[in-house]
Amino acid sequence: MIRMLEKARALLQKARRRSWMKYALRGVGGNDNFERLDLAYSIEDPWNMDSPTEQARFERTNAIIEREFGRVGSLLELGCGEGHQSAYLARVADHVHGLDVSAKAVERARLRLPQARFEATDLFGQPWKPEGGRFDLVTACEVLYYMGDIDRSLARMSELGRACLVTAFAPAARRVGPHLERIDGLRKDWFWHGGTVWLAAWWRND
């Protein structure tokens, strides 16, 4: 009986989250609608980052970073949200810096990972000056498809990082992929968990 009640609560919570996000993200895709993205964080964990699917994505992303770049010194994470993936990235990087356009999300990220540095701003407003003028790695996981000018964002990532990594789930990869293909030296991989498939792409700017 207790297990049935717990399952019912979980299903109800999932339905409420889905309904809320459908409302909050109305008109968000590909147009830098920061107000609506911030609105999404009126509830905690609006993207369900604690789910097994997202945890698997974090693990696979870390595996790619370790395989391709080894231990990272300084890392800049775009779209850090509440710091769920930041906590994973801290396992493969000495210094994590996270950006998000939502001040609500950044407040929660600071509580989740106090040893990292977070700011509520976008890619073009990032305030830090890493050693040598560039971060060792800049990541943009599941965020590029919300940006109005993907090419400009990718160019800025390359200015800020000695290397860059992007992930996008399969439906969004159709929008992001053509922009990534213009980058010299691009490398790609696909990974999946259950019924969800992601594109991972990375490049070096040395």
N, C-alpha and C. Protein backbone atom coordinates (compact mmCIF):
# COMPACT_ATOMS: atom_id res chain seq x y z
N MET A 1 0.83 -1.20 0.00
CA MET A 1 0.00 0.00 0.00
C MET A 1 0.87 1.26 0.00
N ILE A 2 1.91 1.26 0.85
CA ILE A 2 2.81 2.42 0.92
C ILE A 2 3.51 2.64 -0.41
N ARG A 3 3.94 1.54 -1.03
CA ARG A 3 4.62 1.64 -2.32
C ARG A 3 3.69 2.21 -3.38
N MET A 4 2.43 1.81 -3.35
CA MET A 4 1.45 2.31 -4.31
C MET A 4 1.23 3.81 -4.12
N LEU A 5 1.18 4.26 -2.86
CA LEU A 5 1.00 5.68 -2.58
C LEU A 5 2.20 6.49 -3.05
N GLU A 6 3.40 5.96 -2.83
CA GLU A 6 4.61 6.65 -3.27
C GLU A 6 4.64 6.77 -4.79
N LYS A 7 4.24 5.70 -5.46
CA LYS A 7 4.20 5.72 -6.92
C LYS A 7 3.19 6.73 -7.43
N ALA A 8 2.04 6.80 -6.75
CA ALA A 8 1.00 7.75 -7.15
C ALA A 8 1.48 9.19 -6.95
N ARG A 9 2.18 9.44 -5.83
CA ARG A 9 2.72 10.78 -5.59
C ARG A 9 3.74 11.17 -6.66
N ALA A 10 4.59 10.21 -7.02
CA ALA A 10 5.61 10.47 -8.03
C ALA A 10 4.98 10.80 -9.38
N LEU A 11 3.93 10.07 -9.73
CA LEU A 11 3.25 10.32 -11.00
C LEU A 11 2.56 11.68 -10.99
N LEU A 12 1.97 12.03 -9.84
CA LEU A 12 1.31 13.33 -9.72
C LEU A 12 2.33 14.46 -9.82
N GLN A 13 3.48 14.29 -9.16
CA GLN A 13 4.53 15.31 -9.22
C GLN A 13 5.05 15.47 -10.65
N LYS A 14 5.21 14.36 -11.34
CA LYS A 14 5.67 14.40 -12.73
C LYS A 14 4.68 15.15 -13.61
N ALA A 15 3.39 14.88 -13.40
CA ALA A 15 2.35 15.54 -14.20
C ALA A 15 2.32 17.04 -13.92
N ARG A 16 2.48 17.41 -12.64
CA ARG A 16 2.49 18.83 -12.28
C ARG A 16 3.68 19.54 -12.89
N ARG A 17 4.87 18.89 -12.83
CA ARG A 17 6.08 19.50 -13.39
C ARG A 17 5.92 19.68 -14.90
N ARG A 18 5.41 18.66 -15.57
CA ARG A 18 5.25 18.73 -17.02
C ARG A 18 4.28 19.84 -17.41
N SER A 19 3.19 19.96 -16.66
CA SER A 19 2.20 21.00 -16.94
C SER A 19 2.81 22.38 -16.72
N TRP A 20 3.57 22.53 -15.63
CA TRP A 20 4.19 23.82 -15.33
C TRP A 20 5.20 24.20 -16.41
N MET A 21 6.05 23.27 -16.82
CA MET A 21 7.07 23.58 -17.80
C MET A 21 6.47 23.89 -19.17
N LYS A 22 5.37 23.25 -19.49
CA LYS A 22 4.69 23.55 -20.75
C LYS A 22 4.23 25.01 -20.76
N TYR A 23 3.78 25.48 -19.60
CA TYR A 23 3.36 26.88 -19.49
C TYR A 23 4.57 27.82 -19.45
N ALA A 24 5.55 27.51 -18.59
CA ALA A 24 6.67 28.41 -18.36
C ALA A 24 7.53 28.60 -19.61
N LEU A 25 7.67 27.55 -20.41
CA LEU A 25 8.57 27.61 -21.57
C LEU A 25 7.86 27.98 -22.86
N ARG A 26 6.65 28.46 -22.76
CA ARG A 26 5.91 28.86 -23.94
C ARG A 26 6.66 29.97 -24.68
N GLY A 27 7.02 29.72 -25.92
CA GLY A 27 7.70 30.73 -26.73
C GLY A 27 9.18 30.90 -26.42
N VAL A 28 9.81 29.91 -25.80
CA VAL A 28 11.20 30.06 -25.37
C VAL A 28 12.20 29.66 -26.45
N GLY A 29 11.96 28.62 -27.20
CA GLY A 29 12.96 28.03 -28.08
C GLY A 29 13.62 28.99 -29.05
N GLY A 30 14.95 29.10 -28.98
CA GLY A 30 15.74 29.81 -29.97
C GLY A 30 15.56 31.30 -30.02
N ASN A 31 15.17 31.93 -28.91
CA ASN A 31 14.97 33.38 -28.99
C ASN A 31 15.44 34.15 -27.75
N ASP A 32 16.33 33.55 -26.95
CA ASP A 32 16.90 34.25 -25.79
C ASP A 32 15.82 34.80 -24.85
N ASN A 33 14.77 34.03 -24.62
CA ASN A 33 13.69 34.50 -23.75
C ASN A 33 14.06 34.20 -22.29
N PHE A 34 14.92 35.04 -21.73
CA PHE A 34 15.46 34.78 -20.41
C PHE A 34 14.40 34.88 -19.32
N GLU A 35 13.42 35.74 -19.50
CA GLU A 35 12.38 35.89 -18.48
C GLU A 35 11.59 34.60 -18.29
N ARG A 36 11.28 33.93 -19.39
CA ARG A 36 10.52 32.68 -19.29
C ARG A 36 11.39 31.57 -18.71
N LEU A 37 12.69 31.57 -19.05
CA LEU A 37 13.58 30.57 -18.47
C LEU A 37 13.69 30.76 -16.96
N ASP A 38 13.76 32.01 -16.52
CA ASP A 38 13.80 32.28 -15.08
C ASP A 38 12.49 31.87 -14.42
N LEU A 39 11.38 32.10 -15.12
CA LEU A 39 10.08 31.72 -14.59
C LEU A 39 10.01 30.22 -14.31
N ALA A 40 10.65 29.43 -15.15
CA ALA A 40 10.63 27.97 -14.97
C ALA A 40 11.12 27.58 -13.58
N TYR A 41 12.07 28.36 -13.04
CA TYR A 41 12.65 28.03 -11.74
C TYR A 41 11.82 28.52 -10.56
N SER A 42 10.58 28.88 -10.82
CA SER A 42 9.66 29.17 -9.72
C SER A 42 9.38 27.91 -8.91
N ILE A 43 9.64 26.75 -9.51
CA ILE A 43 9.61 25.49 -8.77
C ILE A 43 11.03 24.93 -8.75
N GLU A 44 11.34 24.11 -7.77
CA GLU A 44 12.67 23.52 -7.70
C GLU A 44 12.80 22.35 -8.67
N ASP A 45 13.98 22.21 -9.21
CA ASP A 45 14.31 21.15 -10.16
C ASP A 45 13.25 21.03 -11.27
N PRO A 46 13.00 22.11 -11.98
CA PRO A 46 11.96 22.06 -13.02
C PRO A 46 12.28 21.11 -14.17
N TRP A 47 13.58 20.83 -14.38
CA TRP A 47 13.99 19.96 -15.49
C TRP A 47 14.12 18.50 -15.06
N ASN A 48 13.78 18.21 -13.81
CA ASN A 48 13.87 16.84 -13.29
C ASN A 48 15.30 16.29 -13.41
N MET A 49 16.25 17.09 -12.98
CA MET A 49 17.66 16.72 -13.08
C MET A 49 18.06 15.58 -12.15
N ASP A 50 17.23 15.28 -11.17
CA ASP A 50 17.52 14.15 -10.28
C ASP A 50 17.08 12.81 -10.86
N SER A 51 16.51 12.83 -12.05
CA SER A 51 16.00 11.59 -12.66
C SER A 51 17.16 10.70 -13.12
N PRO A 52 16.93 9.39 -13.21
CA PRO A 52 17.98 8.48 -13.70
C PRO A 52 18.47 8.85 -15.10
N THR A 53 17.58 9.36 -15.95
CA THR A 53 17.98 9.73 -17.31
C THR A 53 19.00 10.86 -17.29
N GLU A 54 18.73 11.90 -16.51
CA GLU A 54 19.67 13.02 -16.45
C GLU A 54 20.97 12.63 -15.76
N GLN A 55 20.87 11.82 -14.72
CA GLN A 55 22.08 11.36 -14.04
C GLN A 55 22.96 10.56 -15.00
N ALA A 56 22.33 9.76 -15.85
CA ALA A 56 23.09 9.00 -16.85
C ALA A 56 23.76 9.95 -17.84
N ARG A 57 23.07 11.01 -18.22
CA ARG A 57 23.67 12.00 -19.13
C ARG A 57 24.89 12.65 -18.50
N PHE A 58 24.78 13.00 -17.22
CA PHE A 58 25.93 13.61 -16.53
C PHE A 58 27.13 12.66 -16.53
N GLU A 59 26.87 11.39 -16.25
CA GLU A 59 27.95 10.40 -16.19
C GLU A 59 28.63 10.25 -17.55
N ARG A 60 27.83 10.17 -18.60
CA ARG A 60 28.40 9.99 -19.94
C ARG A 60 29.17 11.22 -20.39
N THR A 61 28.67 12.39 -20.02
CA THR A 61 29.39 13.63 -20.36
C THR A 61 30.74 13.66 -19.66
N ASN A 62 30.76 13.31 -18.38
CA ASN A 62 32.02 13.25 -17.66
C ASN A 62 32.99 12.26 -18.29
N ALA A 63 32.46 11.13 -18.74
CA ALA A 63 33.32 10.11 -19.35
C ALA A 63 33.98 10.65 -20.62
N ILE A 64 33.24 11.42 -21.40
CA ILE A 64 33.81 12.02 -22.61
C ILE A 64 34.89 13.04 -22.24
N ILE A 65 34.61 13.85 -21.23
CA ILE A 65 35.61 14.85 -20.80
C ILE A 65 36.89 14.17 -20.35
N GLU A 66 36.76 13.14 -19.53
CA GLU A 66 37.95 12.43 -19.04
C GLU A 66 38.72 11.77 -20.18
N ARG A 67 37.99 11.20 -21.12
CA ARG A 67 38.63 10.52 -22.25
C ARG A 67 39.34 11.49 -23.18
N GLU A 68 38.71 12.63 -23.45
CA GLU A 68 39.24 13.55 -24.46
C GLU A 68 40.17 14.62 -23.89
N PHE A 69 39.96 15.01 -22.63
CA PHE A 69 40.71 16.13 -22.08
C PHE A 69 41.46 15.81 -20.79
N GLY A 70 41.19 14.65 -20.21
CA GLY A 70 41.82 14.32 -18.94
C GLY A 70 41.29 15.22 -17.83
N ARG A 71 42.08 15.38 -16.79
CA ARG A 71 41.69 16.26 -15.69
C ARG A 71 41.74 17.71 -16.16
N VAL A 72 40.65 18.45 -15.93
CA VAL A 72 40.53 19.83 -16.40
C VAL A 72 40.87 20.78 -15.25
N GLY A 73 41.62 21.82 -15.56
CA GLY A 73 41.93 22.82 -14.54
C GLY A 73 40.75 23.73 -14.27
N SER A 74 40.44 24.60 -15.24
CA SER A 74 39.32 25.55 -15.10
C SER A 74 38.24 25.21 -16.11
N LEU A 75 36.99 25.22 -15.65
CA LEU A 75 35.85 24.85 -16.51
C LEU A 75 34.76 25.90 -16.36
N LEU A 76 34.24 26.35 -17.48
CA LEU A 76 33.10 27.27 -17.51
C LEU A 76 31.89 26.53 -18.04
N GLU A 77 30.83 26.49 -17.23
CA GLU A 77 29.60 25.78 -17.60
C GLU A 77 28.51 26.79 -17.94
N LEU A 78 28.01 26.74 -19.16
CA LEU A 78 26.91 27.60 -19.57
C LEU A 78 25.59 26.91 -19.26
N GLY A 79 24.65 27.66 -18.70
CA GLY A 79 23.37 27.07 -18.34
C GLY A 79 23.49 26.10 -17.18
N CYS A 80 24.11 26.55 -16.10
CA CYS A 80 24.37 25.66 -14.96
C CYS A 80 23.11 25.30 -14.19
N GLY A 81 22.04 26.07 -14.36
CA GLY A 81 20.81 25.78 -13.62
C GLY A 81 21.05 25.78 -12.12
N GLU A 82 20.50 24.79 -11.45
CA GLU A 82 20.62 24.70 -9.99
C GLU A 82 21.88 23.96 -9.55
N GLY A 83 22.77 23.68 -10.50
CA GLY A 83 24.05 23.08 -10.14
C GLY A 83 24.08 21.57 -10.12
N HIS A 84 23.05 20.92 -10.67
CA HIS A 84 23.04 19.45 -10.67
C HIS A 84 24.22 18.89 -11.48
N GLN A 85 24.36 19.37 -12.73
CA GLN A 85 25.48 18.87 -13.52
C GLN A 85 26.80 19.48 -13.05
N SER A 86 26.75 20.66 -12.48
CA SER A 86 27.97 21.29 -11.94
C SER A 86 28.64 20.37 -10.93
N ALA A 87 27.83 19.72 -10.10
CA ALA A 87 28.38 18.81 -9.09
C ALA A 87 29.11 17.65 -9.74
N TYR A 88 28.62 17.19 -10.87
CA TYR A 88 29.32 16.13 -11.61
C TYR A 88 30.59 16.67 -12.26
N LEU A 89 30.50 17.85 -12.86
CA LEU A 89 31.66 18.43 -13.52
C LEU A 89 32.79 18.71 -12.53
N ALA A 90 32.43 18.97 -11.29
CA ALA A 90 33.45 19.21 -10.26
C ALA A 90 34.29 17.96 -10.00
N ARG A 91 33.81 16.80 -10.43
CA ARG A 91 34.58 15.57 -10.27
C ARG A 91 35.72 15.47 -11.28
N VAL A 92 35.60 16.23 -12.38
CA VAL A 92 36.62 16.14 -13.44
C VAL A 92 37.34 17.47 -13.66
N ALA A 93 37.03 18.48 -12.85
CA ALA A 93 37.65 19.80 -13.00
C ALA A 93 38.04 20.35 -11.64
N ASP A 94 39.15 21.05 -11.59
CA ASP A 94 39.62 21.63 -10.33
C ASP A 94 38.80 22.86 -9.93
N HIS A 95 38.43 23.66 -10.92
CA HIS A 95 37.71 24.91 -10.64
C HIS A 95 36.52 25.02 -11.59
N VAL A 96 35.32 25.01 -11.04
CA VAL A 96 34.10 25.10 -11.85
C VAL A 96 33.49 26.49 -11.70
N HIS A 97 33.18 27.10 -12.85
CA HIS A 97 32.48 28.38 -12.90
C HIS A 97 31.19 28.14 -13.68
N GLY A 98 30.06 28.58 -13.13
CA GLY A 98 28.78 28.33 -13.78
C GLY A 98 28.00 29.61 -14.04
N LEU A 99 27.37 29.67 -15.21
CA LEU A 99 26.53 30.80 -15.59
C LEU A 99 25.11 30.33 -15.84
N ASP A 100 24.15 31.13 -15.42
CA ASP A 100 22.76 30.87 -15.79
C ASP A 100 22.02 32.20 -15.79
N VAL A 101 21.04 32.32 -16.68
CA VAL A 101 20.28 33.57 -16.76
C VAL A 101 19.27 33.69 -15.64
N SER A 102 19.04 32.61 -14.90
CA SER A 102 18.08 32.63 -13.80
C SER A 102 18.77 32.87 -12.46
N ALA A 103 18.44 33.98 -11.82
CA ALA A 103 19.01 34.26 -10.49
C ALA A 103 18.51 33.24 -9.47
N LYS A 104 17.28 32.77 -9.63
CA LYS A 104 16.75 31.76 -8.71
C LYS A 104 17.59 30.49 -8.78
N ALA A 105 17.90 30.07 -10.01
CA ALA A 105 18.68 28.85 -10.19
C ALA A 105 20.08 29.01 -9.61
N VAL A 106 20.69 30.16 -9.83
CA VAL A 106 22.05 30.39 -9.35
C VAL A 106 22.11 30.36 -7.82
N GLU A 107 21.11 30.91 -7.16
CA GLU A 107 21.07 30.85 -5.70
C GLU A 107 21.10 29.40 -5.21
N ARG A 108 20.34 28.54 -5.86
CA ARG A 108 20.31 27.13 -5.47
C ARG A 108 21.61 26.42 -5.82
N ALA A 109 22.21 26.82 -6.95
CA ALA A 109 23.49 26.22 -7.33
C ALA A 109 24.57 26.53 -6.30
N ARG A 110 24.57 27.75 -5.79
CA ARG A 110 25.57 28.13 -4.78
C ARG A 110 25.42 27.32 -3.51
N LEU A 111 24.19 26.99 -3.16
CA LEU A 111 23.96 26.16 -1.98
C LEU A 111 24.38 24.71 -2.24
N ARG A 112 24.13 24.24 -3.45
CA ARG A 112 24.44 22.86 -3.79
C ARG A 112 25.95 22.62 -3.87
N LEU A 113 26.68 23.61 -4.41
CA LEU A 113 28.11 23.43 -4.66
C LEU A 113 28.86 24.70 -4.24
N PRO A 114 29.02 24.91 -2.93
CA PRO A 114 29.61 26.17 -2.46
C PRO A 114 31.05 26.40 -2.88
N GLN A 115 31.77 25.34 -3.24
CA GLN A 115 33.17 25.52 -3.64
C GLN A 115 33.31 26.05 -5.07
N ALA A 116 32.22 26.02 -5.84
CA ALA A 116 32.25 26.54 -7.21
C ALA A 116 31.85 28.02 -7.21
N ARG A 117 31.99 28.65 -8.36
CA ARG A 117 31.62 30.06 -8.50
C ARG A 117 30.49 30.15 -9.53
N PHE A 118 29.44 30.88 -9.18
CA PHE A 118 28.27 31.00 -10.04
C PHE A 118 27.88 32.47 -10.19
N GLU A 119 27.38 32.80 -11.38
CA GLU A 119 26.88 34.15 -11.62
C GLU A 119 25.61 34.08 -12.46
N ALA A 120 24.68 34.99 -12.17
CA ALA A 120 23.43 35.07 -12.93
C ALA A 120 23.62 36.03 -14.10
N THR A 121 24.07 35.49 -15.21
CA THR A 121 24.28 36.28 -16.41
C THR A 121 24.34 35.33 -17.60
N ASP A 122 24.50 35.89 -18.79
CA ASP A 122 24.59 35.03 -19.97
C ASP A 122 26.05 34.88 -20.40
N LEU A 123 26.24 34.19 -21.49
CA LEU A 123 27.57 33.89 -22.01
C LEU A 123 28.39 35.15 -22.26
N PHE A 124 27.73 36.21 -22.68
CA PHE A 124 28.45 37.43 -23.06
C PHE A 124 28.69 38.36 -21.88
N GLY A 125 28.14 38.00 -20.72
CA GLY A 125 28.35 38.82 -19.54
C GLY A 125 29.22 38.15 -18.50
N GLN A 126 29.84 37.02 -18.84
CA GLN A 126 30.61 36.28 -17.84
C GLN A 126 31.73 37.16 -17.28
N PRO A 127 31.90 37.18 -15.95
CA PRO A 127 32.77 38.18 -15.32
C PRO A 127 34.20 37.74 -15.02
N TRP A 128 34.53 36.47 -15.24
CA TRP A 128 35.81 35.98 -14.74
C TRP A 128 36.92 36.09 -15.78
N LYS A 129 38.15 36.22 -15.27
CA LYS A 129 39.34 36.23 -16.12
C LYS A 129 40.24 35.10 -15.66
N PRO A 130 40.10 33.93 -16.28
CA PRO A 130 40.89 32.78 -15.84
C PRO A 130 42.37 32.97 -16.16
N GLU A 131 43.19 32.17 -15.51
CA GLU A 131 44.63 32.23 -15.73
C GLU A 131 44.95 31.95 -17.20
N GLY A 132 45.77 32.79 -17.79
CA GLY A 132 46.10 32.63 -19.20
C GLY A 132 45.06 33.22 -20.13
N GLY A 133 43.98 33.78 -19.57
CA GLY A 133 42.97 34.45 -20.38
C GLY A 133 41.88 33.56 -20.92
N ARG A 134 42.01 32.23 -20.76
CA ARG A 134 40.98 31.32 -21.28
C ARG A 134 40.76 30.18 -20.29
N PHE A 135 39.54 29.66 -20.29
CA PHE A 135 39.24 28.47 -19.51
C PHE A 135 39.79 27.24 -20.24
N ASP A 136 40.12 26.22 -19.48
CA ASP A 136 40.59 24.99 -20.12
C ASP A 136 39.47 24.31 -20.91
N LEU A 137 38.24 24.44 -20.40
CA LEU A 137 37.09 23.83 -21.09
C LEU A 137 35.85 24.67 -20.84
N VAL A 138 35.08 24.90 -21.91
CA VAL A 138 33.78 25.56 -21.81
C VAL A 138 32.72 24.55 -22.25
N THR A 139 31.70 24.34 -21.42
CA THR A 139 30.65 23.39 -21.76
C THR A 139 29.31 24.11 -21.95
N ALA A 140 28.51 23.58 -22.86
CA ALA A 140 27.15 24.07 -23.08
C ALA A 140 26.27 22.83 -23.27
N CYS A 141 25.78 22.30 -22.17
CA CYS A 141 25.01 21.06 -22.20
C CYS A 141 23.51 21.37 -22.14
N GLU A 142 22.83 21.04 -23.21
CA GLU A 142 21.38 21.21 -23.31
C GLU A 142 20.95 22.68 -23.17
N VAL A 143 21.72 23.59 -23.74
CA VAL A 143 21.35 25.01 -23.65
C VAL A 143 21.37 25.74 -24.99
N LEU A 144 22.19 25.31 -25.94
CA LEU A 144 22.36 26.09 -27.16
C LEU A 144 21.06 26.29 -27.92
N TYR A 145 20.16 25.32 -27.86
CA TYR A 145 18.93 25.44 -28.64
C TYR A 145 17.97 26.48 -28.07
N TYR A 146 18.29 27.05 -26.92
CA TYR A 146 17.49 28.15 -26.39
C TYR A 146 18.03 29.51 -26.83
N MET A 147 19.19 29.53 -27.46
CA MET A 147 19.84 30.78 -27.81
C MET A 147 19.41 31.27 -29.19
N GLY A 148 19.28 32.57 -29.32
CA GLY A 148 18.81 33.14 -30.57
C GLY A 148 19.84 33.07 -31.69
N ASP A 149 21.12 33.27 -31.35
CA ASP A 149 22.18 33.28 -32.36
C ASP A 149 23.21 32.22 -31.97
N ILE A 150 23.03 31.02 -32.48
CA ILE A 150 23.89 29.90 -32.10
C ILE A 150 25.32 30.12 -32.59
N ASP A 151 25.49 30.62 -33.81
CA ASP A 151 26.84 30.83 -34.34
C ASP A 151 27.62 31.83 -33.48
N ARG A 152 26.97 32.89 -33.08
CA ARG A 152 27.63 33.89 -32.23
C ARG A 152 27.99 33.29 -30.88
N SER A 153 27.12 32.46 -30.34
CA SER A 153 27.39 31.82 -29.06
C SER A 153 28.56 30.85 -29.16
N LEU A 154 28.61 30.08 -30.24
CA LEU A 154 29.72 29.15 -30.43
C LEU A 154 31.05 29.89 -30.60
N ALA A 155 31.01 31.00 -31.31
CA ALA A 155 32.23 31.80 -31.49
C ALA A 155 32.72 32.34 -30.15
N ARG A 156 31.79 32.77 -29.31
CA ARG A 156 32.17 33.28 -27.99
C ARG A 156 32.72 32.16 -27.12
N MET A 157 32.14 30.98 -27.20
CA MET A 157 32.67 29.84 -26.47
C MET A 157 34.12 29.57 -26.86
N SER A 158 34.40 29.63 -28.16
CA SER A 158 35.75 29.37 -28.64
C SER A 158 36.73 30.46 -28.20
N GLU A 159 36.25 31.68 -28.05
CA GLU A 159 37.10 32.75 -27.54
C GLU A 159 37.46 32.52 -26.07
N LEU A 160 36.51 31.97 -25.32
CA LEU A 160 36.68 31.82 -23.88
C LEU A 160 37.41 30.55 -23.48
N GLY A 161 37.37 29.52 -24.34
CA GLY A 161 37.90 28.23 -23.93
C GLY A 161 38.99 27.68 -24.83
N ARG A 162 39.95 27.01 -24.23
CA ARG A 162 40.96 26.29 -25.01
C ARG A 162 40.33 25.08 -25.70
N ALA A 163 39.24 24.60 -25.10
CA ALA A 163 38.45 23.52 -25.69
C ALA A 163 37.00 23.74 -25.31
N CYS A 164 36.09 23.18 -26.11
CA CYS A 164 34.66 23.35 -25.87
C CYS A 164 33.94 22.02 -26.06
N LEU A 165 32.83 21.87 -25.34
CA LEU A 165 32.00 20.67 -25.47
C LEU A 165 30.54 21.06 -25.40
N VAL A 166 29.75 20.48 -26.30
CA VAL A 166 28.32 20.75 -26.39
C VAL A 166 27.57 19.42 -26.36
N THR A 167 26.44 19.37 -25.66
CA THR A 167 25.54 18.23 -25.81
C THR A 167 24.14 18.76 -26.13
N ALA A 168 23.38 17.93 -26.86
CA ALA A 168 22.00 18.28 -27.20
C ALA A 168 21.23 16.99 -27.42
N PHE A 169 20.04 16.89 -26.83
CA PHE A 169 19.25 15.68 -27.04
C PHE A 169 18.77 15.65 -28.49
N ALA A 170 18.49 14.45 -28.98
CA ALA A 170 18.35 14.21 -30.42
C ALA A 170 17.42 15.18 -31.15
N PRO A 171 16.20 15.45 -30.67
CA PRO A 171 15.35 16.38 -31.42
C PRO A 171 15.98 17.77 -31.58
N ALA A 172 16.63 18.26 -30.52
CA ALA A 172 17.26 19.59 -30.58
C ALA A 172 18.54 19.58 -31.40
N ALA A 173 19.16 18.41 -31.53
CA ALA A 173 20.40 18.31 -32.31
C ALA A 173 20.16 18.68 -33.77
N ARG A 174 18.93 18.55 -34.24
CA ARG A 174 18.62 18.94 -35.61
C ARG A 174 18.81 20.44 -35.82
N ARG A 175 18.57 21.21 -34.77
CA ARG A 175 18.76 22.66 -34.87
C ARG A 175 20.21 23.06 -34.62
N VAL A 176 20.83 22.41 -33.64
CA VAL A 176 22.19 22.78 -33.25
C VAL A 176 23.23 22.21 -34.20
N GLY A 177 23.00 20.99 -34.70
CA GLY A 177 23.99 20.27 -35.49
C GLY A 177 24.56 21.04 -36.67
N PRO A 178 23.74 21.65 -37.53
CA PRO A 178 24.29 22.37 -38.69
C PRO A 178 25.26 23.48 -38.31
N HIS A 179 25.05 24.12 -37.18
CA HIS A 179 25.95 25.18 -36.71
C HIS A 179 27.27 24.58 -36.23
N LEU A 180 27.19 23.45 -35.57
CA LEU A 180 28.41 22.79 -35.09
C LEU A 180 29.28 22.32 -36.25
N GLU A 181 28.65 21.88 -37.32
CA GLU A 181 29.40 21.33 -38.45
C GLU A 181 30.33 22.35 -39.10
N ARG A 182 30.13 23.62 -38.83
CA ARG A 182 30.98 24.67 -39.41
C ARG A 182 32.29 24.85 -38.65
N ILE A 183 32.43 24.16 -37.53
CA ILE A 183 33.61 24.34 -36.68
C ILE A 183 34.74 23.43 -37.15
N ASP A 184 35.91 23.99 -37.35
CA ASP A 184 37.08 23.21 -37.76
C ASP A 184 37.49 22.27 -36.63
N GLY A 185 37.81 21.04 -37.00
CA GLY A 185 38.30 20.08 -36.01
C GLY A 185 37.23 19.50 -35.11
N LEU A 186 35.97 19.64 -35.50
CA LEU A 186 34.87 19.13 -34.67
C LEU A 186 34.92 17.61 -34.59
N ARG A 187 34.69 17.09 -33.39
CA ARG A 187 34.54 15.65 -33.19
C ARG A 187 33.18 15.40 -32.54
N LYS A 188 32.58 14.25 -32.84
CA LYS A 188 31.22 13.98 -32.37
C LYS A 188 31.09 12.55 -31.87
N ASP A 189 30.08 12.38 -31.05
CA ASP A 189 29.70 11.05 -30.58
C ASP A 189 28.23 11.10 -30.21
N TRP A 190 27.61 9.93 -30.15
CA TRP A 190 26.21 9.82 -29.71
C TRP A 190 26.17 8.89 -28.51
N PHE A 191 25.32 9.19 -27.55
CA PHE A 191 25.12 8.27 -26.44
C PHE A 191 23.65 8.27 -26.06
N TRP A 192 23.24 7.29 -25.30
CA TRP A 192 21.82 7.15 -25.01
C TRP A 192 21.60 6.49 -23.65
N HIS A 193 20.39 6.68 -23.16
CA HIS A 193 19.93 6.02 -21.93
C HIS A 193 18.44 5.79 -22.09
N GLY A 194 18.03 4.54 -21.98
CA GLY A 194 16.62 4.25 -22.21
C GLY A 194 16.23 4.66 -23.62
N GLY A 195 15.21 5.49 -23.73
CA GLY A 195 14.76 5.93 -25.04
C GLY A 195 15.27 7.30 -25.44
N THR A 196 16.20 7.87 -24.68
CA THR A 196 16.70 9.21 -24.97
C THR A 196 18.10 9.14 -25.57
N VAL A 197 18.31 9.89 -26.66
CA VAL A 197 19.59 9.90 -27.36
C VAL A 197 20.13 11.33 -27.36
N TRP A 198 21.45 11.46 -27.15
CA TRP A 198 22.09 12.77 -27.15
C TRP A 198 23.25 12.82 -28.13
N LEU A 199 23.46 13.99 -28.69
CA LEU A 199 24.66 14.29 -29.46
C LEU A 199 25.66 14.97 -28.54
N ALA A 200 26.91 14.53 -28.60
CA ALA A 200 28.01 15.23 -27.93
C ALA A 200 28.98 15.68 -29.01
N ALA A 201 29.43 16.92 -28.93
CA ALA A 201 30.38 17.46 -29.90
C ALA A 201 31.42 18.28 -29.16
N TRP A 202 32.67 18.18 -29.60
CA TRP A 202 33.73 18.92 -28.92
C TRP A 202 34.81 19.32 -29.91
N TRP A 203 35.58 20.32 -29.54
CA TRP A 203 36.66 20.81 -30.40
C TRP A 203 37.68 21.55 -29.54
N ARG A 204 38.87 21.68 -30.09
CA ARG A 204 39.96 22.39 -29.42
C ARG A 204 40.25 23.70 -30.16
N ASN A 205 40.68 24.69 -29.41
CA ASN A 205 40.97 26.01 -29.97
C ASN A 205 42.43 26.40 -29.79
N ASP A 206 43.29 25.42 -29.58
CA ASP A 206 44.72 25.70 -29.36
C ASP A 206 45.37 26.24 -30.63
